[in-house]
N, C-alpha and C. Protein backbone atom coordinates (compact mmCIF):
# COMPACT_ATOMS: atom_id res chain seq x y z
N MET A 1 -28.08 1.77 -16.28
CA MET A 1 -28.24 2.87 -15.54
C MET A 1 -29.25 3.45 -15.00
N ALA A 2 -29.24 3.73 -13.70
CA ALA A 2 -29.90 3.25 -12.13
C ALA A 2 -31.14 4.95 -12.50
N ASN A 3 -32.07 4.60 -12.36
CA ASN A 3 -32.88 5.74 -12.64
C ASN A 3 -33.44 6.94 -11.30
N ILE A 4 -32.85 5.65 -9.93
CA ILE A 4 -33.01 6.63 -8.82
C ILE A 4 -32.35 7.52 -8.44
N LYS A 5 -32.33 8.89 -7.86
CA LYS A 5 -31.19 9.67 -7.49
C LYS A 5 -30.71 8.75 -6.24
N SER A 6 -30.93 8.76 -5.54
CA SER A 6 -30.13 8.33 -4.65
C SER A 6 -29.06 6.76 -5.32
N ALA A 7 -29.96 6.10 -6.16
CA ALA A 7 -28.62 5.39 -6.87
C ALA A 7 -27.97 5.51 -7.74
N LYS A 8 -27.91 6.90 -8.33
CA LYS A 8 -27.02 7.26 -8.90
C LYS A 8 -25.87 8.09 -8.14
N LYS A 9 -26.47 8.67 -7.20
CA LYS A 9 -25.45 8.72 -6.07
C LYS A 9 -24.42 8.00 -5.84
N ARG A 10 -24.60 6.98 -4.91
CA ARG A 10 -23.59 5.86 -4.57
C ARG A 10 -22.99 5.78 -5.80
N ILE A 11 -23.67 5.52 -7.65
CA ILE A 11 -22.90 5.33 -8.26
C ILE A 11 -21.45 6.20 -8.51
N LEU A 12 -21.79 7.43 -7.90
CA LEU A 12 -20.96 8.56 -8.40
C LEU A 12 -19.73 8.22 -6.97
N VAL A 13 -20.27 7.94 -5.87
CA VAL A 13 -19.39 8.09 -4.28
C VAL A 13 -18.70 6.82 -4.53
N ASN A 14 -19.07 5.47 -5.50
CA ASN A 14 -18.31 4.41 -5.05
C ASN A 14 -17.24 4.49 -5.84
N LYS A 15 -17.52 5.28 -7.19
CA LYS A 15 -16.29 5.21 -8.04
C LYS A 15 -15.37 6.49 -7.65
N THR A 16 -15.99 6.83 -6.68
CA THR A 16 -14.53 8.04 -5.89
C THR A 16 -14.00 7.74 -4.51
N LYS A 17 -14.85 6.50 -4.27
CA LYS A 17 -13.84 5.29 -3.33
C LYS A 17 -13.10 4.66 -4.06
N ALA A 18 -12.93 4.36 -5.20
CA ALA A 18 -12.71 3.38 -6.18
C ALA A 18 -11.38 3.70 -6.58
N ASP A 19 -11.59 5.17 -6.90
CA ASP A 19 -10.71 5.88 -7.88
C ASP A 19 -9.30 6.02 -6.24
N ARG A 20 -9.99 6.35 -5.52
CA ARG A 20 -9.14 6.58 -4.26
C ARG A 20 -8.24 5.54 -3.58
N ASN A 21 -8.99 4.43 -3.85
CA ASN A 21 -8.40 3.39 -3.12
C ASN A 21 -7.46 2.91 -4.00
N LYS A 22 -7.68 2.63 -5.49
CA LYS A 22 -6.63 2.01 -6.15
C LYS A 22 -5.25 3.18 -6.40
N ALA A 23 -5.13 5.06 -5.78
CA ALA A 23 -4.54 5.47 -6.01
C ALA A 23 -3.73 5.03 -5.18
N ILE A 24 -4.13 4.70 -3.91
CA ILE A 24 -4.06 4.43 -2.74
C ILE A 24 -2.47 2.56 -2.82
N LYS A 25 -3.52 1.89 -2.61
CA LYS A 25 -2.59 0.54 -3.12
C LYS A 25 -1.79 0.47 -4.37
N SER A 26 -1.74 1.90 -5.50
CA SER A 26 -0.98 1.93 -6.30
C SER A 26 0.56 2.09 -5.42
N GLY A 27 0.37 3.38 -5.08
CA GLY A 27 1.25 3.85 -4.41
C GLY A 27 2.71 2.95 -3.03
N VAL A 28 1.35 2.26 -2.39
CA VAL A 28 1.68 1.29 -1.96
C VAL A 28 2.94 0.24 -2.41
N LYS A 29 2.10 0.49 -3.74
CA LYS A 29 2.63 -1.56 -4.40
C LYS A 29 3.95 -0.71 -5.08
N THR A 30 4.21 1.53 -5.08
CA THR A 30 5.35 1.58 -5.44
C THR A 30 6.97 1.07 -4.30
N ALA A 31 5.85 1.60 -3.39
CA ALA A 31 6.91 1.62 -1.92
C ALA A 31 7.35 0.13 -2.11
N ILE A 32 6.78 -0.48 -1.76
CA ILE A 32 7.00 -2.11 -1.93
C ILE A 32 7.85 -2.64 -2.96
N LYS A 33 8.18 -1.81 -4.38
CA LYS A 33 9.31 -2.61 -5.85
C LYS A 33 10.66 -1.48 -4.94
N LYS A 34 9.90 -0.42 -4.14
CA LYS A 34 11.63 0.71 -4.21
C LYS A 34 12.51 -0.44 -3.03
N VAL A 35 12.17 -0.72 -2.11
CA VAL A 35 12.17 -1.38 -1.29
C VAL A 35 12.78 -3.23 -1.68
N ASN A 36 12.39 -3.85 -2.60
CA ASN A 36 12.25 -4.85 -3.31
C ASN A 36 13.85 -4.80 -4.20
N ALA A 37 13.92 -3.13 -4.84
CA ALA A 37 14.68 -2.80 -5.69
C ALA A 37 15.66 -2.53 -5.47
N ALA A 38 15.88 -2.07 -3.75
CA ALA A 38 17.38 -2.03 -3.51
C ALA A 38 17.69 -3.40 -2.17
N ILE A 39 17.04 -4.43 -2.15
CA ILE A 39 17.63 -5.70 -1.80
C ILE A 39 18.31 -6.26 -3.13
N GLU A 40 17.49 -6.21 -4.11
CA GLU A 40 18.40 -6.44 -5.45
C GLU A 40 19.65 -5.90 -5.42
N ALA A 41 20.11 -4.51 -5.21
CA ALA A 41 21.12 -3.41 -5.71
C ALA A 41 21.71 -4.24 -4.43
N LYS A 42 21.52 -4.90 -3.34
CA LYS A 42 22.02 -5.39 -2.00
C LYS A 42 22.64 -4.21 -1.15
N ASP A 43 21.69 -2.78 -1.15
CA ASP A 43 21.79 -1.18 -0.91
C ASP A 43 21.18 -1.44 0.66
N LYS A 44 21.53 -2.29 1.53
CA LYS A 44 21.53 -2.05 2.88
C LYS A 44 20.71 -1.16 3.04
N GLU A 45 21.65 0.34 3.17
CA GLU A 45 21.11 1.55 3.71
C GLU A 45 19.58 2.44 2.67
N ALA A 46 19.82 2.02 1.87
CA ALA A 46 18.86 2.21 1.16
C ALA A 46 17.54 1.10 1.36
N ALA A 47 17.57 0.10 1.25
CA ALA A 47 16.26 -0.53 2.01
C ALA A 47 15.91 -0.51 2.70
N LYS A 48 17.08 -0.22 3.56
CA LYS A 48 15.88 0.24 5.12
C LYS A 48 14.97 1.57 5.67
N SER A 49 15.34 2.74 4.37
CA SER A 49 14.58 3.94 4.41
C SER A 49 13.58 3.72 3.27
N ALA A 50 13.73 2.95 2.20
CA ALA A 50 12.67 2.31 1.41
C ALA A 50 11.66 1.55 2.18
N LEU A 51 12.58 0.79 3.70
CA LEU A 51 11.61 0.12 4.32
C LEU A 51 10.85 0.93 5.22
N LEU A 52 11.37 1.47 6.02
CA LEU A 52 10.49 3.03 6.55
C LEU A 52 9.72 3.90 6.03
N ALA A 53 9.71 4.02 4.47
CA ALA A 53 8.60 4.54 3.93
C ALA A 53 7.63 3.93 3.27
N ALA A 54 7.75 2.30 3.15
CA ALA A 54 7.28 1.49 3.12
C ALA A 54 5.92 1.30 4.02
N THR A 55 6.54 1.03 5.14
CA THR A 55 6.12 0.50 6.37
C THR A 55 4.88 1.66 6.42
N SER A 56 4.91 3.19 6.28
CA SER A 56 4.11 4.09 6.51
C SER A 56 3.41 4.22 5.78
N ALA A 57 3.85 3.84 4.71
CA ALA A 57 2.10 4.11 3.68
C ALA A 57 1.08 3.02 3.56
N ILE A 58 2.21 1.65 4.01
CA ILE A 58 0.86 0.36 4.29
C ILE A 58 0.51 0.88 5.38
N ASP A 59 0.82 1.57 6.62
CA ASP A 59 0.06 2.38 7.68
C ASP A 59 -0.78 3.12 7.12
N LYS A 60 -0.80 3.85 6.57
CA LYS A 60 -1.85 5.26 5.89
C LYS A 60 -2.65 4.35 5.58
N ALA A 61 -2.34 3.01 4.92
CA ALA A 61 -3.74 2.81 4.41
C ALA A 61 -4.47 1.82 4.70
N THR A 62 -3.85 0.97 5.52
CA THR A 62 -4.40 0.49 6.68
C THR A 62 -5.89 1.38 7.38
N LYS A 63 -5.02 2.81 8.20
CA LYS A 63 -5.97 3.50 8.79
C LYS A 63 -6.57 3.60 8.07
N LYS A 64 -6.54 3.83 6.31
CA LYS A 64 -7.75 4.67 6.00
C LYS A 64 -8.60 3.58 5.33
N GLY A 65 -8.25 2.11 6.19
CA GLY A 65 -9.42 1.52 5.64
C GLY A 65 -9.11 0.65 3.94
N VAL A 66 -8.35 0.85 3.40
CA VAL A 66 -8.36 0.33 2.37
C VAL A 66 -7.57 -0.94 2.23
N TYR A 67 -6.46 -0.85 2.76
CA TYR A 67 -6.25 -2.95 3.20
C TYR A 67 -6.58 -3.22 5.14
N HIS A 68 -6.96 -4.35 5.06
CA HIS A 68 -7.19 -5.49 6.77
C HIS A 68 -6.18 -4.97 6.93
N LYS A 69 -5.72 -5.38 8.68
CA LYS A 69 -4.63 -5.09 9.39
C LYS A 69 -3.73 -6.33 9.01
N ASN A 70 -4.25 -7.29 8.81
CA ASN A 70 -3.54 -8.17 9.16
C ASN A 70 -3.17 -8.24 7.44
N THR A 71 -3.58 -7.82 6.29
CA THR A 71 -3.34 -8.04 5.43
C THR A 71 -1.71 -7.06 5.28
N SER A 72 -1.68 -6.03 6.47
CA SER A 72 -0.63 -4.73 6.24
C SER A 72 0.40 -5.46 6.73
N ALA A 73 -0.01 -6.04 8.63
CA ALA A 73 0.87 -6.66 9.12
C ALA A 73 1.64 -7.81 8.58
N ARG A 74 1.10 -8.89 7.61
CA ARG A 74 1.79 -9.44 6.90
C ARG A 74 2.93 -8.50 5.87
N LYS A 75 2.16 -7.62 5.04
CA LYS A 75 3.24 -7.27 3.93
C LYS A 75 4.59 -6.48 4.81
N VAL A 76 3.92 -6.17 6.10
CA VAL A 76 5.57 -5.18 6.89
C VAL A 76 5.89 -6.34 6.72
N SER A 77 5.91 -7.40 7.87
CA SER A 77 6.86 -8.38 8.28
C SER A 77 7.19 -8.89 7.04
N ARG A 78 6.90 -9.56 6.01
CA ARG A 78 7.74 -10.29 4.36
C ARG A 78 8.48 -8.84 4.16
N LEU A 79 8.45 -7.98 4.49
CA LEU A 79 9.61 -6.14 3.62
C LEU A 79 10.52 -6.50 4.57
N ALA A 80 10.38 -6.08 6.20
CA ALA A 80 11.13 -6.74 7.15
C ALA A 80 12.04 -7.10 7.01
N THR A 81 11.80 -8.57 7.01
CA THR A 81 12.12 -10.12 7.27
C THR A 81 13.44 -10.04 6.17
N ALA A 82 12.97 -9.51 4.68
CA ALA A 82 13.91 -9.26 3.36
C ALA A 82 14.73 -8.84 4.13
N VAL A 83 14.45 -7.25 4.46
CA VAL A 83 15.57 -6.98 4.53
C VAL A 83 16.21 -6.90 5.62
N ASN A 84 16.08 -7.13 6.62
CA ASN A 84 17.34 -8.41 7.95
C ASN A 84 18.15 -9.21 6.99
N LYS A 85 17.78 -10.55 6.09
CA LYS A 85 18.34 -10.96 5.73
C LYS A 85 19.57 -10.80 4.57
N MET A 86 19.47 -8.73 4.76
CA MET A 86 20.62 -9.23 3.94
C MET A 86 21.93 -8.80 4.50
N ALA A 87 21.73 -9.18 5.76
CA ALA A 87 23.07 -9.19 6.31
C ALA A 87 24.47 -10.40 5.70
């Protein structure tokens, strides 16, 4: 355990940020699972609406610095391709 006051603060701040990032990543994973579930159920309308929500969640996570922009672009691209292949 740290003894210096600033080091103690850094530990607390890092924990807070890690918890925030974990919550955001969890929300993105849930949104992606909803898209995949709609694809498995062959429900194109539900898949499109879930894709819209997932894309929004991924973009917000990127804006907050949780994901790198290329990572988010890859995730969105893979989801969009999967939804478009449903036809």
